[in-house]
Amino acid sequence: MVKQHFQTEIRAAKKKVWATMLNKDTYEKWTKAFSPNSTFAGDWSEGSTMRFWDSGLGGGTKALLERVKPFELVRLRHVAMIATDGSEDVESPEARRWVGALEQYRFSESKGVTRLFVNIEAHEHYSAMFADGWDKALKLLKELCEANR
């Protein structure tokens, strides 16, 4: 597994950043950086599973929310890939590289500015995708949060 770290500063309260990052309507806007029709199913509660996919492409991933501390931390571990027919894959070579990947989002606020830290642990095969995607995604998220302040 390769560890990658990304961060941004957003001129907004961390509750707003949290909501913008995780509410479905705004989630679908900033995650376009990864896939044009990104969406999810689930409720972001600790111990639950989430399904992330691209409705246009059909495939995606299933993740377990290992730790959720509202407005401070989200840590999820990918446990399966989702095939276009909706079935879960943990056995294919691609799934074996993906399963176990970890994403963590940490929020810290000072004087009306939120620092968002994103930590990724994933197979090196995905390093370029995460580097490119998170760079673009954090810019989109920042724009969404800072609009209508």
N, C-alpha and C. Protein backbone atom coordinates (compact mmCIF):
# COMPACT_ATOMS: atom_id res chain seq x y z
N MET A 1 0.83 -1.19 0.00
CA MET A 1 0.00 0.00 0.00
C MET A 1 0.88 1.25 0.00
N VAL A 2 0.45 2.23 -0.76
CA VAL A 2 1.13 3.51 -0.84
C VAL A 2 0.29 4.54 -0.09
N LYS A 3 0.94 5.37 0.72
CA LYS A 3 0.24 6.42 1.46
C LYS A 3 0.35 7.73 0.69
N GLN A 4 -0.79 8.41 0.57
CA GLN A 4 -0.82 9.72 -0.07
C GLN A 4 -1.60 10.67 0.83
N HIS A 5 -1.19 11.95 0.79
CA HIS A 5 -1.80 12.96 1.64
C HIS A 5 -2.16 14.17 0.79
N PHE A 6 -3.35 14.69 1.00
CA PHE A 6 -3.82 15.86 0.28
C PHE A 6 -4.48 16.77 1.31
N GLN A 7 -4.46 18.07 1.06
CA GLN A 7 -5.12 18.98 1.98
C GLN A 7 -5.48 20.27 1.28
N THR A 8 -6.43 20.97 1.88
CA THR A 8 -6.83 22.28 1.38
C THR A 8 -7.33 23.11 2.55
N GLU A 9 -7.33 24.40 2.36
CA GLU A 9 -7.92 25.33 3.32
C GLU A 9 -9.14 25.94 2.66
N ILE A 10 -10.24 25.96 3.39
CA ILE A 10 -11.51 26.44 2.87
C ILE A 10 -12.06 27.50 3.81
N ARG A 11 -12.39 28.66 3.26
CA ARG A 11 -12.93 29.74 4.07
C ARG A 11 -14.41 29.48 4.34
N ALA A 12 -14.64 28.54 5.26
CA ALA A 12 -15.99 28.18 5.69
C ALA A 12 -15.86 27.35 6.96
N ALA A 13 -16.93 27.37 7.73
CA ALA A 13 -16.97 26.57 8.97
C ALA A 13 -16.90 25.09 8.64
N LYS A 14 -16.31 24.30 9.54
CA LYS A 14 -16.14 22.88 9.25
C LYS A 14 -17.48 22.16 9.12
N LYS A 15 -18.54 22.64 9.79
CA LYS A 15 -19.85 22.03 9.63
C LYS A 15 -20.34 22.20 8.19
N LYS A 16 -20.05 23.33 7.59
CA LYS A 16 -20.44 23.56 6.20
C LYS A 16 -19.60 22.68 5.27
N VAL A 17 -18.31 22.60 5.54
CA VAL A 17 -17.43 21.76 4.71
C VAL A 17 -17.87 20.31 4.80
N TRP A 18 -18.14 19.84 6.01
CA TRP A 18 -18.62 18.47 6.24
C TRP A 18 -19.89 18.22 5.42
N ALA A 19 -20.86 19.11 5.56
CA ALA A 19 -22.14 18.93 4.87
C ALA A 19 -21.96 18.97 3.35
N THR A 20 -21.14 19.87 2.87
CA THR A 20 -20.91 19.98 1.43
C THR A 20 -20.20 18.76 0.90
N MET A 21 -19.28 18.22 1.67
CA MET A 21 -18.54 17.05 1.24
C MET A 21 -19.42 15.80 1.23
N LEU A 22 -20.33 15.65 2.19
CA LEU A 22 -21.03 14.39 2.38
C LEU A 22 -22.50 14.37 1.96
N ASN A 23 -23.14 15.52 1.81
CA ASN A 23 -24.53 15.52 1.34
C ASN A 23 -24.58 15.14 -0.13
N LYS A 24 -25.51 14.29 -0.47
CA LYS A 24 -25.53 13.68 -1.80
C LYS A 24 -25.50 14.69 -2.95
N ASP A 25 -26.31 15.74 -2.88
CA ASP A 25 -26.37 16.67 -4.01
C ASP A 25 -25.04 17.37 -4.25
N THR A 26 -24.34 17.79 -3.20
CA THR A 26 -23.06 18.45 -3.39
C THR A 26 -21.92 17.44 -3.56
N TYR A 27 -22.03 16.28 -2.94
CA TYR A 27 -21.05 15.21 -3.16
C TYR A 27 -20.93 14.91 -4.65
N GLU A 28 -22.07 14.82 -5.32
CA GLU A 28 -22.07 14.50 -6.75
C GLU A 28 -21.42 15.59 -7.59
N LYS A 29 -21.33 16.79 -7.07
CA LYS A 29 -20.69 17.89 -7.80
C LYS A 29 -19.17 17.84 -7.68
N TRP A 30 -18.65 17.65 -6.46
CA TRP A 30 -17.19 17.69 -6.33
C TRP A 30 -16.53 16.38 -6.75
N THR A 31 -17.26 15.27 -6.69
CA THR A 31 -16.65 13.99 -7.07
C THR A 31 -16.63 13.77 -8.59
N LYS A 32 -17.15 14.73 -9.35
CA LYS A 32 -17.02 14.67 -10.81
C LYS A 32 -15.53 14.62 -11.20
N ALA A 33 -14.69 15.09 -10.30
CA ALA A 33 -13.25 15.05 -10.54
C ALA A 33 -12.74 13.62 -10.70
N PHE A 34 -13.45 12.67 -10.10
CA PHE A 34 -13.07 11.26 -10.19
C PHE A 34 -13.84 10.54 -11.29
N SER A 35 -15.12 10.84 -11.41
CA SER A 35 -15.97 10.15 -12.37
C SER A 35 -17.19 11.04 -12.62
N PRO A 36 -17.59 11.20 -13.87
CA PRO A 36 -18.61 12.21 -14.20
C PRO A 36 -19.97 12.04 -13.52
N ASN A 37 -20.37 10.84 -13.20
CA ASN A 37 -21.69 10.62 -12.60
C ASN A 37 -21.60 9.94 -11.24
N SER A 38 -20.59 10.34 -10.46
CA SER A 38 -20.38 9.74 -9.14
C SER A 38 -21.58 9.96 -8.23
N THR A 39 -21.92 8.92 -7.49
CA THR A 39 -22.98 9.01 -6.51
C THR A 39 -22.72 7.98 -5.42
N PHE A 40 -23.60 7.90 -4.44
CA PHE A 40 -23.44 6.91 -3.39
C PHE A 40 -24.79 6.50 -2.83
N ALA A 41 -24.78 5.39 -2.10
CA ALA A 41 -25.93 4.95 -1.32
C ALA A 41 -25.40 4.59 0.06
N GLY A 42 -26.05 5.10 1.09
CA GLY A 42 -25.63 4.86 2.46
C GLY A 42 -25.85 6.11 3.28
N ASP A 43 -25.52 6.04 4.58
CA ASP A 43 -25.84 7.16 5.47
C ASP A 43 -24.66 7.75 6.24
N TRP A 44 -23.46 7.38 5.93
CA TRP A 44 -22.25 7.92 6.55
C TRP A 44 -22.21 7.68 8.06
N SER A 45 -22.83 6.63 8.56
CA SER A 45 -22.76 6.35 10.00
C SER A 45 -21.71 5.28 10.27
N GLU A 46 -21.04 5.41 11.41
CA GLU A 46 -19.98 4.48 11.78
C GLU A 46 -20.52 3.05 11.82
N GLY A 47 -19.76 2.14 11.21
CA GLY A 47 -20.12 0.74 11.18
C GLY A 47 -20.99 0.35 9.99
N SER A 48 -21.49 1.32 9.26
CA SER A 48 -22.33 1.01 8.10
C SER A 48 -21.47 0.81 6.85
N THR A 49 -22.11 0.32 5.81
CA THR A 49 -21.42 0.21 4.53
C THR A 49 -22.00 1.23 3.57
N MET A 50 -21.16 1.70 2.69
CA MET A 50 -21.53 2.66 1.64
C MET A 50 -21.23 2.01 0.30
N ARG A 51 -22.03 2.35 -0.68
CA ARG A 51 -21.77 1.93 -2.06
C ARG A 51 -21.54 3.20 -2.88
N PHE A 52 -20.41 3.24 -3.56
CA PHE A 52 -20.05 4.36 -4.41
C PHE A 52 -19.97 3.86 -5.84
N TRP A 53 -20.56 4.58 -6.78
CA TRP A 53 -20.50 4.14 -8.17
C TRP A 53 -20.75 5.31 -9.10
N ASP A 54 -20.52 5.07 -10.37
CA ASP A 54 -20.81 6.02 -11.43
C ASP A 54 -22.04 5.50 -12.15
N SER A 55 -23.14 6.22 -12.08
CA SER A 55 -24.39 5.75 -12.67
C SER A 55 -24.30 5.62 -14.18
N GLY A 56 -23.39 6.33 -14.82
CA GLY A 56 -23.20 6.22 -16.26
C GLY A 56 -22.36 5.01 -16.65
N LEU A 57 -21.38 4.70 -15.81
CA LEU A 57 -20.48 3.58 -16.11
C LEU A 57 -20.96 2.28 -15.47
N GLY A 58 -21.67 2.40 -14.35
CA GLY A 58 -22.25 1.23 -13.71
C GLY A 58 -21.43 0.58 -12.62
N GLY A 59 -20.13 0.66 -12.65
CA GLY A 59 -19.30 0.00 -11.65
C GLY A 59 -19.00 0.90 -10.48
N GLY A 60 -18.40 0.31 -9.44
CA GLY A 60 -18.07 1.11 -8.28
C GLY A 60 -17.39 0.32 -7.20
N THR A 61 -17.58 0.75 -5.97
CA THR A 61 -16.92 0.15 -4.83
C THR A 61 -17.83 0.14 -3.61
N LYS A 62 -17.57 -0.78 -2.72
CA LYS A 62 -18.29 -0.87 -1.45
C LYS A 62 -17.27 -0.61 -0.36
N ALA A 63 -17.65 0.20 0.63
CA ALA A 63 -16.73 0.53 1.71
C ALA A 63 -17.43 0.44 3.06
N LEU A 64 -16.65 0.09 4.07
CA LEU A 64 -17.09 0.04 5.45
C LEU A 64 -16.64 1.32 6.14
N LEU A 65 -17.56 2.01 6.81
CA LEU A 65 -17.19 3.19 7.58
C LEU A 65 -16.66 2.73 8.93
N GLU A 66 -15.35 2.75 9.06
CA GLU A 66 -14.69 2.26 10.28
C GLU A 66 -14.81 3.25 11.43
N ARG A 67 -14.77 4.54 11.10
CA ARG A 67 -14.80 5.57 12.17
C ARG A 67 -15.47 6.81 11.61
N VAL A 68 -16.45 7.31 12.33
CA VAL A 68 -17.10 8.57 11.97
C VAL A 68 -17.25 9.39 13.25
N LYS A 69 -16.65 10.55 13.26
CA LYS A 69 -16.78 11.50 14.36
C LYS A 69 -17.30 12.79 13.71
N PRO A 70 -18.60 13.06 13.84
CA PRO A 70 -19.19 14.19 13.10
C PRO A 70 -18.39 15.48 13.17
N PHE A 71 -18.22 16.07 12.01
CA PHE A 71 -17.52 17.33 11.79
C PHE A 71 -16.02 17.26 12.06
N GLU A 72 -15.50 16.05 12.31
CA GLU A 72 -14.07 15.91 12.59
C GLU A 72 -13.38 14.83 11.78
N LEU A 73 -14.02 13.66 11.60
CA LEU A 73 -13.30 12.54 10.99
C LEU A 73 -14.25 11.56 10.31
N VAL A 74 -13.82 11.10 9.14
CA VAL A 74 -14.45 9.97 8.45
C VAL A 74 -13.32 9.06 7.99
N ARG A 75 -13.40 7.77 8.35
CA ARG A 75 -12.41 6.80 7.86
C ARG A 75 -13.18 5.62 7.29
N LEU A 76 -12.90 5.32 6.03
CA LEU A 76 -13.57 4.20 5.39
C LEU A 76 -12.57 3.28 4.71
N ARG A 77 -12.91 2.00 4.71
CA ARG A 77 -12.07 0.97 4.09
C ARG A 77 -12.87 0.29 3.00
N HIS A 78 -12.28 0.22 1.81
CA HIS A 78 -12.94 -0.42 0.68
C HIS A 78 -12.88 -1.93 0.85
N VAL A 79 -14.05 -2.58 0.73
CA VAL A 79 -14.13 -4.01 1.00
C VAL A 79 -14.53 -4.84 -0.22
N ALA A 80 -14.95 -4.18 -1.30
CA ALA A 80 -15.31 -4.91 -2.53
C ALA A 80 -15.42 -3.92 -3.68
N MET A 81 -15.27 -4.45 -4.86
CA MET A 81 -15.60 -3.68 -6.06
C MET A 81 -17.01 -4.10 -6.46
N ILE A 82 -17.73 -3.19 -7.10
CA ILE A 82 -19.08 -3.48 -7.56
C ILE A 82 -19.06 -3.55 -9.08
N ALA A 83 -19.48 -4.68 -9.61
CA ALA A 83 -19.51 -4.87 -11.07
C ALA A 83 -20.71 -4.13 -11.66
N THR A 84 -20.73 -3.99 -12.96
CA THR A 84 -21.82 -3.27 -13.63
C THR A 84 -23.18 -3.93 -13.39
N ASP A 85 -23.21 -5.23 -13.10
CA ASP A 85 -24.48 -5.90 -12.82
C ASP A 85 -24.88 -5.79 -11.34
N GLY A 86 -24.08 -5.06 -10.55
CA GLY A 86 -24.39 -4.86 -9.14
C GLY A 86 -23.77 -5.89 -8.20
N SER A 87 -23.17 -6.93 -8.75
CA SER A 87 -22.55 -7.95 -7.90
C SER A 87 -21.25 -7.42 -7.30
N GLU A 88 -20.86 -8.01 -6.17
CA GLU A 88 -19.64 -7.61 -5.49
C GLU A 88 -18.50 -8.54 -5.88
N ASP A 89 -17.35 -7.95 -6.11
CA ASP A 89 -16.16 -8.68 -6.54
C ASP A 89 -15.05 -8.46 -5.53
N VAL A 90 -14.54 -9.54 -4.97
CA VAL A 90 -13.37 -9.47 -4.09
C VAL A 90 -12.25 -10.39 -4.57
N GLU A 91 -12.50 -11.11 -5.67
CA GLU A 91 -11.58 -12.14 -6.12
C GLU A 91 -10.74 -11.79 -7.35
N SER A 92 -11.25 -10.96 -8.24
CA SER A 92 -10.52 -10.66 -9.48
C SER A 92 -9.19 -9.96 -9.14
N PRO A 93 -8.23 -9.99 -10.06
CA PRO A 93 -6.96 -9.30 -9.81
C PRO A 93 -7.17 -7.81 -9.50
N GLU A 94 -8.09 -7.16 -10.21
CA GLU A 94 -8.37 -5.74 -9.96
C GLU A 94 -8.93 -5.54 -8.55
N ALA A 95 -9.87 -6.39 -8.16
CA ALA A 95 -10.47 -6.28 -6.82
C ALA A 95 -9.43 -6.54 -5.74
N ARG A 96 -8.54 -7.48 -5.95
CA ARG A 96 -7.50 -7.77 -4.94
C ARG A 96 -6.59 -6.57 -4.72
N ARG A 97 -6.36 -5.79 -5.78
CA ARG A 97 -5.56 -4.56 -5.61
C ARG A 97 -6.36 -3.49 -4.87
N TRP A 98 -7.67 -3.48 -5.04
CA TRP A 98 -8.52 -2.43 -4.50
C TRP A 98 -8.95 -2.69 -3.05
N VAL A 99 -9.36 -3.92 -2.76
CA VAL A 99 -9.87 -4.25 -1.43
C VAL A 99 -8.79 -3.96 -0.37
N GLY A 100 -9.21 -3.26 0.66
CA GLY A 100 -8.29 -2.88 1.72
C GLY A 100 -7.85 -1.43 1.64
N ALA A 101 -8.11 -0.78 0.50
CA ALA A 101 -7.76 0.64 0.38
C ALA A 101 -8.47 1.44 1.46
N LEU A 102 -7.78 2.43 2.02
CA LEU A 102 -8.28 3.23 3.12
C LEU A 102 -8.35 4.69 2.70
N GLU A 103 -9.45 5.36 3.06
CA GLU A 103 -9.57 6.80 2.87
C GLU A 103 -9.94 7.40 4.21
N GLN A 104 -9.30 8.51 4.55
CA GLN A 104 -9.61 9.20 5.79
C GLN A 104 -9.70 10.69 5.52
N TYR A 105 -10.76 11.32 6.03
CA TYR A 105 -10.97 12.75 5.90
C TYR A 105 -10.99 13.34 7.31
N ARG A 106 -10.15 14.35 7.54
CA ARG A 106 -10.08 14.99 8.85
C ARG A 106 -10.32 16.48 8.67
N PHE A 107 -11.16 17.06 9.53
CA PHE A 107 -11.57 18.45 9.45
C PHE A 107 -11.08 19.20 10.68
N SER A 108 -10.47 20.37 10.48
CA SER A 108 -9.97 21.19 11.58
C SER A 108 -10.29 22.64 11.26
N GLU A 109 -10.87 23.37 12.20
CA GLU A 109 -11.27 24.76 11.95
C GLU A 109 -10.58 25.71 12.89
N SER A 110 -10.16 26.85 12.35
CA SER A 110 -9.60 27.93 13.14
C SER A 110 -9.95 29.25 12.47
N LYS A 111 -10.58 30.14 13.21
CA LYS A 111 -10.92 31.49 12.74
C LYS A 111 -11.70 31.47 11.43
N GLY A 112 -12.66 30.56 11.32
CA GLY A 112 -13.52 30.50 10.15
C GLY A 112 -12.92 29.84 8.92
N VAL A 113 -11.75 29.26 9.09
CA VAL A 113 -11.09 28.56 7.98
C VAL A 113 -10.97 27.08 8.37
N THR A 114 -11.44 26.23 7.49
CA THR A 114 -11.36 24.79 7.74
C THR A 114 -10.22 24.20 6.92
N ARG A 115 -9.41 23.44 7.59
CA ARG A 115 -8.37 22.67 6.90
C ARG A 115 -8.90 21.25 6.77
N LEU A 116 -8.93 20.78 5.56
CA LEU A 116 -9.38 19.42 5.27
C LEU A 116 -8.16 18.61 4.87
N PHE A 117 -7.95 17.51 5.59
CA PHE A 117 -6.84 16.61 5.32
C PHE A 117 -7.41 15.30 4.79
N VAL A 118 -6.90 14.85 3.67
CA VAL A 118 -7.32 13.59 3.06
C VAL A 118 -6.11 12.67 3.05
N ASN A 119 -6.24 11.52 3.68
CA ASN A 119 -5.18 10.52 3.69
C ASN A 119 -5.68 9.26 3.00
N ILE A 120 -4.87 8.76 2.10
CA ILE A 120 -5.21 7.58 1.32
C ILE A 120 -4.12 6.53 1.51
N GLU A 121 -4.54 5.28 1.66
CA GLU A 121 -3.62 4.15 1.62
C GLU A 121 -4.21 3.19 0.59
N ALA A 122 -3.50 3.01 -0.51
CA ALA A 122 -4.02 2.16 -1.58
C ALA A 122 -2.86 1.55 -2.36
N HIS A 123 -3.17 0.57 -3.16
CA HIS A 123 -2.18 -0.06 -4.03
C HIS A 123 -1.58 1.00 -4.94
N GLU A 124 -0.29 0.88 -5.23
CA GLU A 124 0.39 1.88 -6.06
C GLU A 124 -0.25 2.05 -7.43
N HIS A 125 -0.97 1.04 -7.89
CA HIS A 125 -1.68 1.09 -9.17
C HIS A 125 -2.62 2.29 -9.22
N TYR A 126 -3.14 2.72 -8.07
CA TYR A 126 -4.13 3.80 -8.01
C TYR A 126 -3.54 5.16 -7.66
N SER A 127 -2.24 5.25 -7.45
CA SER A 127 -1.61 6.50 -7.00
C SER A 127 -1.86 7.67 -7.93
N ALA A 128 -1.68 7.48 -9.21
CA ALA A 128 -1.87 8.58 -10.16
C ALA A 128 -3.33 9.02 -10.20
N MET A 129 -4.26 8.07 -10.16
CA MET A 129 -5.68 8.41 -10.16
C MET A 129 -6.02 9.26 -8.95
N PHE A 130 -5.55 8.86 -7.76
CA PHE A 130 -5.84 9.62 -6.56
C PHE A 130 -5.17 11.00 -6.61
N ALA A 131 -3.93 11.07 -7.05
CA ALA A 131 -3.23 12.35 -7.11
C ALA A 131 -3.96 13.33 -8.02
N ASP A 132 -4.32 12.89 -9.20
CA ASP A 132 -5.03 13.75 -10.14
C ASP A 132 -6.43 14.07 -9.64
N GLY A 133 -7.13 13.05 -9.19
CA GLY A 133 -8.51 13.22 -8.74
C GLY A 133 -8.65 14.12 -7.53
N TRP A 134 -7.84 13.89 -6.50
CA TRP A 134 -7.98 14.70 -5.29
C TRP A 134 -7.57 16.14 -5.52
N ASP A 135 -6.59 16.39 -6.37
CA ASP A 135 -6.21 17.76 -6.68
C ASP A 135 -7.41 18.51 -7.25
N LYS A 136 -8.08 17.91 -8.21
CA LYS A 136 -9.25 18.54 -8.83
C LYS A 136 -10.44 18.57 -7.88
N ALA A 137 -10.67 17.48 -7.16
CA ALA A 137 -11.82 17.38 -6.28
C ALA A 137 -11.77 18.43 -5.16
N LEU A 138 -10.60 18.62 -4.57
CA LEU A 138 -10.50 19.59 -3.48
C LEU A 138 -10.74 21.01 -3.97
N LYS A 139 -10.34 21.30 -5.20
CA LYS A 139 -10.63 22.63 -5.77
C LYS A 139 -12.13 22.81 -5.96
N LEU A 140 -12.80 21.78 -6.46
CA LEU A 140 -14.25 21.86 -6.64
C LEU A 140 -14.96 21.99 -5.30
N LEU A 141 -14.54 21.21 -4.32
CA LEU A 141 -15.14 21.26 -3.00
C LEU A 141 -14.96 22.65 -2.38
N LYS A 142 -13.78 23.20 -2.51
CA LYS A 142 -13.50 24.54 -1.99
C LYS A 142 -14.42 25.57 -2.64
N GLU A 143 -14.58 25.50 -3.95
CA GLU A 143 -15.47 26.43 -4.66
C GLU A 143 -16.91 26.30 -4.15
N LEU A 144 -17.38 25.08 -3.99
CA LEU A 144 -18.75 24.85 -3.50
C LEU A 144 -18.93 25.42 -2.09
N CYS A 145 -17.96 25.19 -1.23
CA CYS A 145 -18.07 25.65 0.16
C CYS A 145 -17.98 27.16 0.28
N GLU A 146 -17.15 27.77 -0.54
CA GLU A 146 -16.93 29.21 -0.42
C GLU A 146 -17.97 30.02 -1.18
N ALA A 147 -18.73 29.41 -2.05
CA ALA A 147 -19.82 30.11 -2.74
C ALA A 147 -20.91 30.40 -1.72
N ASN A 148 -21.54 31.53 -1.84
CA ASN A 148 -22.66 31.90 -0.95
C ASN A 148 -22.28 31.87 0.52
N ARG A 149 -21.08 32.36 0.85
CA ARG A 149 -20.65 32.36 2.26
C ARG A 149 -21.45 33.31 3.07
